[in-house]
Amino acid sequence: MEQKLSNQQFNEDERKIKEKELEVNRQLLAEKDRELDKLRGSRPTNPQQAKNNNGLKWAIGLGIVAVVISLLCFILLLKKRKD
């Protein structure tokens, strides 16, 4: 009977220790999740979105090249008219 009582007390103490460990682990996990959220916020979350931005950069670059070439052609045409 005394052994059962001491086992119950031991189990109760062990349960309290496990609950404390579980709470500490939950707090650590929440902290790590916050750190991950901060890191995720600093870079694009969707790789497809970054790919679309890359296409936009190409389109803008090609548009600028087209404008420069057309201006050069226009200048050459004006020079030929003067001659």
PDB file of N, CA and C in Angstrom:
ATOM      1  N   MET A   1       0.824  -1.184   0.000  1.00  0.00           N
ATOM      2  CA  MET A   1       0.000   0.000   0.000  1.00  0.00           C
ATOM      3  C   MET A   1       0.874   1.257   0.000  1.00  0.00           C
ATOM      4  N   GLU A   2       1.896   1.264   0.855  1.00  0.00           N
ATOM      5  CA  GLU A   2       2.807   2.404   0.899  1.00  0.00           C
ATOM      6  C   GLU A   2       3.547   2.563  -0.425  1.00  0.00           C
ATOM      7  N   GLN A   3       3.856   1.425  -1.024  1.00  0.00           N
ATOM      8  CA  GLN A   3       4.569   1.462  -2.302  1.00  0.00           C
ATOM      9  C   GLN A   3       3.685   2.094  -3.380  1.00  0.00           C
ATOM     10  N   LYS A   4       2.394   1.754  -3.380  1.00  0.00           N
ATOM     11  CA  LYS A   4       1.466   2.341  -4.351  1.00  0.00           C
ATOM     12  C   LYS A   4       1.372   3.848  -4.148  1.00  0.00           C
ATOM     13  N   LEU A   5       1.288   4.245  -2.892  1.00  0.00           N
ATOM     14  CA  LEU A   5       1.203   5.676  -2.600  1.00  0.00           C
ATOM     15  C   LEU A   5       2.475   6.401  -3.034  1.00  0.00           C
ATOM     16  N   SER A   6       3.618   5.797  -2.768  1.00  0.00           N
ATOM     17  CA  SER A   6       4.872   6.435  -3.175  1.00  0.00           C
ATOM     18  C   SER A   6       4.996   6.453  -4.699  1.00  0.00           C
ATOM     19  N   ASN A   7       4.522   5.395  -5.369  1.00  0.00           N
ATOM     20  CA  ASN A   7       4.527   5.372  -6.839  1.00  0.00           C
ATOM     21  C   ASN A   7       3.601   6.438  -7.407  1.00  0.00           C
ATOM     22  N   GLN A   8       2.450   6.605  -6.782  1.00  0.00           N
ATOM     23  CA  GLN A   8       1.520   7.630  -7.243  1.00  0.00           C
ATOM     24  C   GLN A   8       2.137   9.017  -7.085  1.00  0.00           C
ATOM     25  N   GLN A   9       2.796   9.235  -5.949  1.00  0.00           N
ATOM     26  CA  GLN A   9       3.450  10.523  -5.723  1.00  0.00           C
ATOM     27  C   GLN A   9       4.560  10.735  -6.740  1.00  0.00           C
ATOM     28  N   PHE A  10       5.341   9.679  -6.994  1.00  0.00           N
ATOM     29  CA  PHE A  10       6.416   9.756  -7.985  1.00  0.00           C
ATOM     30  C   PHE A  10       5.844  10.054  -9.370  1.00  0.00           C
ATOM     31  N   ASN A  11       4.757   9.379  -9.724  1.00  0.00           N
ATOM     32  CA  ASN A  11       4.126   9.609 -11.025  1.00  0.00           C
ATOM     33  C   ASN A  11       3.585  11.031 -11.131  1.00  0.00           C
ATOM     34  N   GLU A  12       3.045  11.530 -10.040  1.00  0.00           N
ATOM     35  CA  GLU A  12       2.527  12.904 -10.029  1.00  0.00           C
ATOM     36  C   GLU A  12       3.671  13.903 -10.226  1.00  0.00           C
ATOM     37  N   ASP A  13       4.778  13.693  -9.532  1.00  0.00           N
ATOM     38  CA  ASP A  13       5.940  14.574  -9.688  1.00  0.00           C
ATOM     39  C   ASP A  13       6.499  14.484 -11.105  1.00  0.00           C
ATOM     40  N   GLU A  14       6.560  13.272 -11.620  1.00  0.00           N
ATOM     41  CA  GLU A  14       7.065  13.075 -12.980  1.00  0.00           C
ATOM     42  C   GLU A  14       6.156  13.767 -13.999  1.00  0.00           C
ATOM     43  N   ARG A  15       4.851  13.679 -13.776  1.00  0.00           N
ATOM     44  CA  ARG A  15       3.895  14.324 -14.677  1.00  0.00           C
ATOM     45  C   ARG A  15       4.074  15.843 -14.650  1.00  0.00           C
ATOM     46  N   LYS A  16       4.282  16.406 -13.476  1.00  0.00           N
ATOM     47  CA  LYS A  16       4.489  17.852 -13.362  1.00  0.00           C
ATOM     48  C   LYS A  16       5.766  18.278 -14.083  1.00  0.00           C
ATOM     49  N   ILE A  17       6.819  17.472 -13.923  1.00  0.00           N
ATOM     50  CA  ILE A  17       8.081  17.786 -14.607  1.00  0.00           C
ATOM     51  C   ILE A  17       7.891  17.741 -16.118  1.00  0.00           C
ATOM     52  N   LYS A  18       7.186  16.719 -16.597  1.00  0.00           N
ATOM     53  CA  LYS A  18       6.942  16.590 -18.043  1.00  0.00           C
ATOM     54  C   LYS A  18       6.108  17.756 -18.562  1.00  0.00           C
ATOM     55  N   GLU A  19       5.120  18.191 -17.770  1.00  0.00           N
ATOM     56  CA  GLU A  19       4.302  19.333 -18.172  1.00  0.00           C
ATOM     57  C   GLU A  19       5.145  20.601 -18.270  1.00  0.00           C
ATOM     58  N   LYS A  20       6.052  20.785 -17.311  1.00  0.00           N
ATOM     59  CA  LYS A  20       6.939  21.953 -17.355  1.00  0.00           C
ATOM     60  C   LYS A  20       7.847  21.898 -18.582  1.00  0.00           C
ATOM     61  N   GLU A  21       8.393  20.710 -18.859  1.00  0.00           N
ATOM     62  CA  GLU A  21       9.245  20.552 -20.044  1.00  0.00           C
ATOM     63  C   GLU A  21       8.463  20.845 -21.318  1.00  0.00           C
ATOM     64  N   LEU A  22       7.226  20.361 -21.347  1.00  0.00           N
ATOM     65  CA  LEU A  22       6.385  20.593 -22.516  1.00  0.00           C
ATOM     66  C   LEU A  22       6.118  22.083 -22.715  1.00  0.00           C
ATOM     67  N   GLU A  23       5.859  22.791 -21.642  1.00  0.00           N
ATOM     68  CA  GLU A  23       5.606  24.232 -21.729  1.00  0.00           C
ATOM     69  C   GLU A  23       6.850  24.979 -22.215  1.00  0.00           C
ATOM     70  N   VAL A  24       8.007  24.601 -21.692  1.00  0.00           N
ATOM     71  CA  VAL A  24       9.258  25.230 -22.124  1.00  0.00           C
ATOM     72  C   VAL A  24       9.498  24.958 -23.607  1.00  0.00           C
ATOM     73  N   ASN A  25       9.255  23.726 -24.036  1.00  0.00           N
ATOM     74  CA  ASN A  25       9.439  23.384 -25.449  1.00  0.00           C
ATOM     75  C   ASN A  25       8.473  24.149 -26.345  1.00  0.00           C
ATOM     76  N   ARG A  26       7.253  24.356 -25.874  1.00  0.00           N
ATOM     77  CA  ARG A  26       6.281  25.143 -26.654  1.00  0.00           C
ATOM     78  C   ARG A  26       6.753  26.591 -26.801  1.00  0.00           C
ATOM     79  N   GLN A  27       7.295  27.133 -25.728  1.00  0.00           N
ATOM     80  CA  GLN A  27       7.799  28.505 -25.793  1.00  0.00           C
ATOM     81  C   GLN A  27       8.971  28.615 -26.762  1.00  0.00           C
ATOM     82  N   LEU A  28       9.872  27.636 -26.709  1.00  0.00           N
ATOM     83  CA  LEU A  28      11.005  27.640 -27.638  1.00  0.00           C
ATOM     84  C   LEU A  28      10.534  27.518 -29.081  1.00  0.00           C
ATOM     85  N   LEU A  29       9.553  26.665 -29.308  1.00  0.00           N
ATOM     86  CA  LEU A  29       9.020  26.487 -30.656  1.00  0.00           C
ATOM     87  C   LEU A  29       8.369  27.775 -31.156  1.00  0.00           C
ATOM     88  N   ALA A  30       7.631  28.448 -30.293  1.00  0.00           N
ATOM     89  CA  ALA A  30       7.004  29.710 -30.683  1.00  0.00           C
ATOM     90  C   ALA A  30       8.062  30.753 -31.027  1.00  0.00           C
ATOM     91  N   GLU A  31       9.140  30.788 -30.256  1.00  0.00           N
ATOM     92  CA  GLU A  31      10.227  31.731 -30.533  1.00  0.00           C
ATOM     93  C   GLU A  31      10.881  31.423 -31.881  1.00  0.00           C
ATOM     94  N   LYS A  32      11.124  30.155 -32.149  1.00  0.00           N
ATOM     95  CA  LYS A  32      11.729  29.762 -33.427  1.00  0.00           C
ATOM     96  C   LYS A  32      10.797  30.088 -34.589  1.00  0.00           C
ATOM     97  N   ASP A  33       9.491  29.906 -34.389  1.00  0.00           N
ATOM     98  CA  ASP A  33       8.533  30.253 -35.441  1.00  0.00           C
ATOM     99  C   ASP A  33       8.571  31.750 -35.740  1.00  0.00           C
ATOM    100  N   ARG A  34       8.689  32.563 -34.697  1.00  0.00           N
ATOM    101  CA  ARG A  34       8.780  34.012 -34.919  1.00  0.00           C
ATOM    102  C   ARG A  34      10.042  34.362 -35.694  1.00  0.00           C
ATOM    103  N   GLU A  35      11.153  33.706 -35.363  1.00  0.00           N
ATOM    104  CA  GLU A  35      12.401  33.958 -36.092  1.00  0.00           C
ATOM    105  C   GLU A  35      12.270  33.552 -37.555  1.00  0.00           C
ATOM    106  N   LEU A  36      11.627  32.413 -37.802  1.00  0.00           N
ATOM    107  CA  LEU A  36      11.424  31.965 -39.181  1.00  0.00           C
ATOM    108  C   LEU A  36      10.543  32.938 -39.951  1.00  0.00           C
ATOM    109  N   ASP A  37       9.499  33.454 -39.300  1.00  0.00           N
ATOM    110  CA  ASP A  37       8.627  34.424 -39.960  1.00  0.00           C
ATOM    111  C   ASP A  37       9.396  35.681 -40.347  1.00  0.00           C
ATOM    112  N   LYS A  38      10.302  36.117 -39.476  1.00  0.00           N
ATOM    113  CA  LYS A  38      11.119  37.290 -39.802  1.00  0.00           C
ATOM    114  C   LYS A  38      11.999  37.008 -41.007  1.00  0.00           C
ATOM    115  N   LEU A  39      12.606  35.826 -41.041  1.00  0.00           N
ATOM    116  CA  LEU A  39      13.478  35.471 -42.161  1.00  0.00           C
ATOM    117  C   LEU A  39      12.691  35.318 -43.451  1.00  0.00           C
ATOM    118  N   ARG A  40      11.516  34.759 -43.363  1.00  0.00           N
ATOM    119  CA  ARG A  40      10.693  34.593 -44.567  1.00  0.00           C
ATOM    120  C   ARG A  40      10.234  35.936 -45.107  1.00  0.00           C
ATOM    121  N   GLY A  41      10.040  36.898 -44.229  1.00  0.00           N
ATOM    122  CA  GLY A  41       9.584  38.212 -44.661  1.00  0.00           C
ATOM    123  C   GLY A  41      10.634  38.963 -45.450  1.00  0.00           C
ATOM    124  N   SER A  42      11.897  38.599 -45.346  1.00  0.00           N
ATOM    125  CA  SER A  42      12.961  39.331 -46.019  1.00  0.00           C
ATOM    126  C   SER A  42      13.250  38.831 -47.427  1.00  0.00           C
ATOM    127  N   ARG A  43      12.588  37.790 -47.854  1.00  0.00           N
ATOM    128  CA  ARG A  43      12.823  37.274 -49.202  1.00  0.00           C
ATOM    129  C   ARG A  43      11.485  36.896 -49.830  1.00  0.00           C
ATOM    130  N   PRO A  44      11.426  36.797 -51.147  1.00  0.00           N
ATOM    131  CA  PRO A  44      10.157  36.454 -51.787  1.00  0.00           C
ATOM    132  C   PRO A  44       9.678  35.072 -51.350  1.00  0.00           C
ATOM    133  N   THR A  45       8.395  34.990 -51.070  1.00  0.00           N
ATOM    134  CA  THR A  45       7.852  33.721 -50.612  1.00  0.00           C
ATOM    135  C   THR A  45       7.506  32.805 -51.774  1.00  0.00           C
ATOM    136  N   ASN A  46       7.241  33.381 -52.922  1.00  0.00           N
ATOM    137  CA  ASN A  46       6.809  32.584 -54.060  1.00  0.00           C
ATOM    138  C   ASN A  46       7.858  32.651 -55.165  1.00  0.00           C
ATOM    139  N   PRO A  47       8.510  31.540 -55.516  1.00  0.00           N
ATOM    140  CA  PRO A  47       9.521  31.582 -56.581  1.00  0.00           C
ATOM    141  C   PRO A  47       8.924  31.970 -57.930  1.00  0.00           C
ATOM    142  N   GLN A  48       7.674  31.628 -58.157  1.00  0.00           N
ATOM    143  CA  GLN A  48       7.011  31.986 -59.414  1.00  0.00           C
ATOM    144  C   GLN A  48       6.916  33.505 -59.530  1.00  0.00           C
ATOM    145  N   GLN A  49       6.690  34.174 -58.419  1.00  0.00           N
ATOM    146  CA  GLN A  49       6.600  35.625 -58.413  1.00  0.00           C
ATOM    147  C   GLN A  49       7.939  36.243 -58.802  1.00  0.00           C
ATOM    148  N   ALA A  50       9.015  35.703 -58.309  1.00  0.00           N
ATOM    149  CA  ALA A  50      10.346  36.197 -58.660  1.00  0.00           C
ATOM    150  C   ALA A  50      10.611  35.973 -60.141  1.00  0.00           C
ATOM    151  N   LYS A  51      10.155  34.870 -60.679  1.00  0.00           N
ATOM    152  CA  LYS A  51      10.319  34.575 -62.098  1.00  0.00           C
ATOM    153  C   LYS A  51       9.567  35.611 -62.934  1.00  0.00           C
ATOM    154  N   ASN A  52       8.358  35.976 -62.515  1.00  0.00           N
ATOM    155  CA  ASN A  52       7.584  36.984 -63.231  1.00  0.00           C
ATOM    156  C   ASN A  52       8.288  38.335 -63.184  1.00  0.00           C
ATOM    157  N   ASN A  53       8.899  38.678 -62.072  1.00  0.00           N
ATOM    158  CA  ASN A  53       9.640  39.928 -61.973  1.00  0.00           C
ATOM    159  C   ASN A  53      10.826  39.916 -62.919  1.00  0.00           C
ATOM    160  N   ASN A  54      11.453  38.770 -63.094  1.00  0.00           N
ATOM    161  CA  ASN A  54      12.575  38.648 -64.006  1.00  0.00           C
ATOM    162  C   ASN A  54      12.111  38.929 -65.435  1.00  0.00           C
ATOM    163  N   GLY A  55      10.961  38.416 -65.820  1.00  0.00           N
ATOM    164  CA  GLY A  55      10.413  38.679 -67.146  1.00  0.00           C
ATOM    165  C   GLY A  55      10.107  40.155 -67.335  1.00  0.00           C
ATOM    166  N   LEU A  56       9.622  40.783 -66.303  1.00  0.00           N
ATOM    167  CA  LEU A  56       9.328  42.213 -66.372  1.00  0.00           C
ATOM    168  C   LEU A  56      10.603  43.014 -66.583  1.00  0.00           C
ATOM    169  N   LYS A  57      11.667  42.621 -65.906  1.00  0.00           N
ATOM    170  CA  LYS A  57      12.952  43.307 -66.090  1.00  0.00           C
ATOM    171  C   LYS A  57      13.446  43.159 -67.522  1.00  0.00           C
ATOM    172  N   TRP A  58      13.295  41.967 -68.092  1.00  0.00           N
ATOM    173  CA  TRP A  58      13.692  41.755 -69.492  1.00  0.00           C
ATOM    174  C   TRP A  58      12.865  42.633 -70.431  1.00  0.00           C
ATOM    175  N   ALA A  59      11.568  42.721 -70.196  1.00  0.00           N
ATOM    176  CA  ALA A  59      10.697  43.521 -71.057  1.00  0.00           C
ATOM    177  C   ALA A  59      11.083  44.998 -70.996  1.00  0.00           C
ATOM    178  N   ILE A  60      11.361  45.496 -69.821  1.00  0.00           N
ATOM    179  CA  ILE A  60      11.766  46.898 -69.680  1.00  0.00           C
ATOM    180  C   ILE A  60      13.096  47.136 -70.380  1.00  0.00           C
ATOM    181  N   GLY A  61      14.044  46.216 -70.190  1.00  0.00           N
ATOM    182  CA  GLY A  61      15.350  46.359 -70.838  1.00  0.00           C
ATOM    183  C   GLY A  61      15.244  46.353 -72.349  1.00  0.00           C
ATOM    184  N   LEU A  62      14.454  45.434 -72.897  1.00  0.00           N
ATOM    185  CA  LEU A  62      14.281  45.383 -74.356  1.00  0.00           C
ATOM    186  C   LEU A  62      13.563  46.622 -74.871  1.00  0.00           C
ATOM    187  N   GLY A  63      12.638  47.153 -74.103  1.00  0.00           N
ATOM    188  CA  GLY A  63      11.952  48.383 -74.501  1.00  0.00           C
ATOM    189  C   GLY A  63      12.917  49.556 -74.569  1.00  0.00           C
ATOM    190  N   ILE A  64      13.804  49.652 -73.615  1.00  0.00           N
ATOM    191  CA  ILE A  64      14.798  50.730 -73.619  1.00  0.00           C
ATOM    192  C   ILE A  64      15.723  50.589 -74.820  1.00  0.00           C
ATOM    193  N   VAL A  65      16.153  49.353 -75.105  1.00  0.00           N
ATOM    194  CA  VAL A  65      17.023  49.119 -76.265  1.00  0.00           C
ATOM    195  C   VAL A  65      16.310  49.514 -77.551  1.00  0.00           C
ATOM    196  N   ALA A  66      15.032  49.193 -77.667  1.00  0.00           N
ATOM    197  CA  ALA A  66      14.274  49.538 -78.869  1.00  0.00           C
ATOM    198  C   ALA A  66      14.178  51.054 -79.038  1.00  0.00           C
ATOM    199  N   VAL A  67      13.966  51.772 -77.960  1.00  0.00           N
ATOM    200  CA  VAL A  67      13.879  53.237 -78.038  1.00  0.00           C
ATOM    201  C   VAL A  67      15.218  53.827 -78.467  1.00  0.00           C
ATOM    202  N   VAL A  68      16.315  53.336 -77.922  1.00  0.00           N
ATOM    203  CA  VAL A  68      17.640  53.850 -78.279  1.00  0.00           C
ATOM    204  C   VAL A  68      17.932  53.592 -79.753  1.00  0.00           C
ATOM    205  N   ILE A  69      17.629  52.395 -80.232  1.00  0.00           N
ATOM    206  CA  ILE A  69      17.882  52.072 -81.644  1.00  0.00           C
ATOM    207  C   ILE A  69      17.024  52.938 -82.554  1.00  0.00           C
ATOM    208  N   SER A  70      15.767  53.142 -82.194  1.00  0.00           N
ATOM    209  CA  SER A  70      14.907  53.979 -83.040  1.00  0.00           C
ATOM    210  C   SER A  70      15.394  55.429 -83.052  1.00  0.00           C
ATOM    211  N   LEU A  71      15.895  55.938 -81.925  1.00  0.00           N
ATOM    212  CA  LEU A  71      16.446  57.294 -81.910  1.00  0.00           C
ATOM    213  C   LEU A  71      17.692  57.397 -82.782  1.00  0.00           C
ATOM    214  N   LEU A  72      18.545  56.379 -82.748  1.00  0.00           N
ATOM    215  CA  LEU A  72      19.730  56.379 -83.607  1.00  0.00           C
ATOM    216  C   LEU A  72      19.343  56.371 -85.084  1.00  0.00           C
ATOM    217  N   CYS A  73      18.357  55.571 -85.429  1.00  0.00           N
ATOM    218  CA  CYS A  73      17.890  55.537 -86.825  1.00  0.00           C
ATOM    219  C   CYS A  73      17.315  56.892 -87.234  1.00  0.00           C
ATOM    220  N   PHE A  74      16.566  57.516 -86.347  1.00  0.00           N
ATOM    221  CA  PHE A  74      15.979  58.820 -86.639  1.00  0.00           C
ATOM    222  C   PHE A  74      17.070  59.869 -86.855  1.00  0.00           C
ATOM    223  N   ILE A  75      18.112  59.836 -86.025  1.00  0.00           N
ATOM    224  CA  ILE A  75      19.230  60.779 -86.170  1.00  0.00           C
ATOM    225  C   ILE A  75      19.948  60.545 -87.496  1.00  0.00           C
ATOM    226  N   LEU A  76      20.158  59.286 -87.863  1.00  0.00           N
ATOM    227  CA  LEU A  76      20.809  58.984 -89.146  1.00  0.00           C
ATOM    228  C   LEU A  76      19.969  59.472 -90.320  1.00  0.00           C
ATOM    229  N   LEU A  77      18.659  59.328 -90.248  1.00  0.00           N
ATOM    230  CA  LEU A  77      17.786  59.815 -91.323  1.00  0.00           C
ATOM    231  C   LEU A  77      17.859  61.336 -91.438  1.00  0.00           C
ATOM    232  N   LEU A  78      17.909  62.037 -90.307  1.00  0.00           N
ATOM    233  CA  LEU A  78      18.013  63.495 -90.346  1.00  0.00           C
ATOM    234  C   LEU A  78      19.344  63.933 -90.952  1.00  0.00           C
ATOM    235  N   LYS A  79      20.420  63.227 -90.651  1.00  0.00           N
ATOM    236  CA  LYS A  79      21.725  63.570 -91.225  1.00  0.00           C
ATOM    237  C   LYS A  79      21.721  63.363 -92.733  1.00  0.00           C
ATOM    238  N   LYS A  80      21.071  62.297 -93.199  1.00  0.00           N
ATOM    239  CA  LYS A  80      21.022  62.038 -94.642  1.00  0.00           C
ATOM    240  C   LYS A  80      20.216  63.118 -95.356  1.00  0.00           C
ATOM    241  N   ARG A  81      19.183  63.634 -94.733  1.00  0.00           N
ATOM    242  CA  ARG A  81      18.375  64.684 -95.363  1.00  0.00           C
ATOM    243  C   ARG A  81      19.176  65.970 -95.523  1.00  0.00           C
ATOM    244  N   LYS A  82      20.030  66.272 -94.536  1.00  0.00           N
ATOM    245  CA  LYS A  82      20.832  67.494 -94.609  1.00  0.00           C
ATOM    246  C   LYS A  82      21.833  67.415 -95.749  1.00  0.00           C
ATOM    247  N   ASP A  83      22.345  66.231 -96.025  1.00  0.00           N
ATOM    248  CA  ASP A  83      23.348  66.075 -97.079  1.00  0.00           C
ATOM    249  C   ASP A  83      22.687  66.116 -98.389  1.00  0.00           C
TER     250      ASP A  83
END
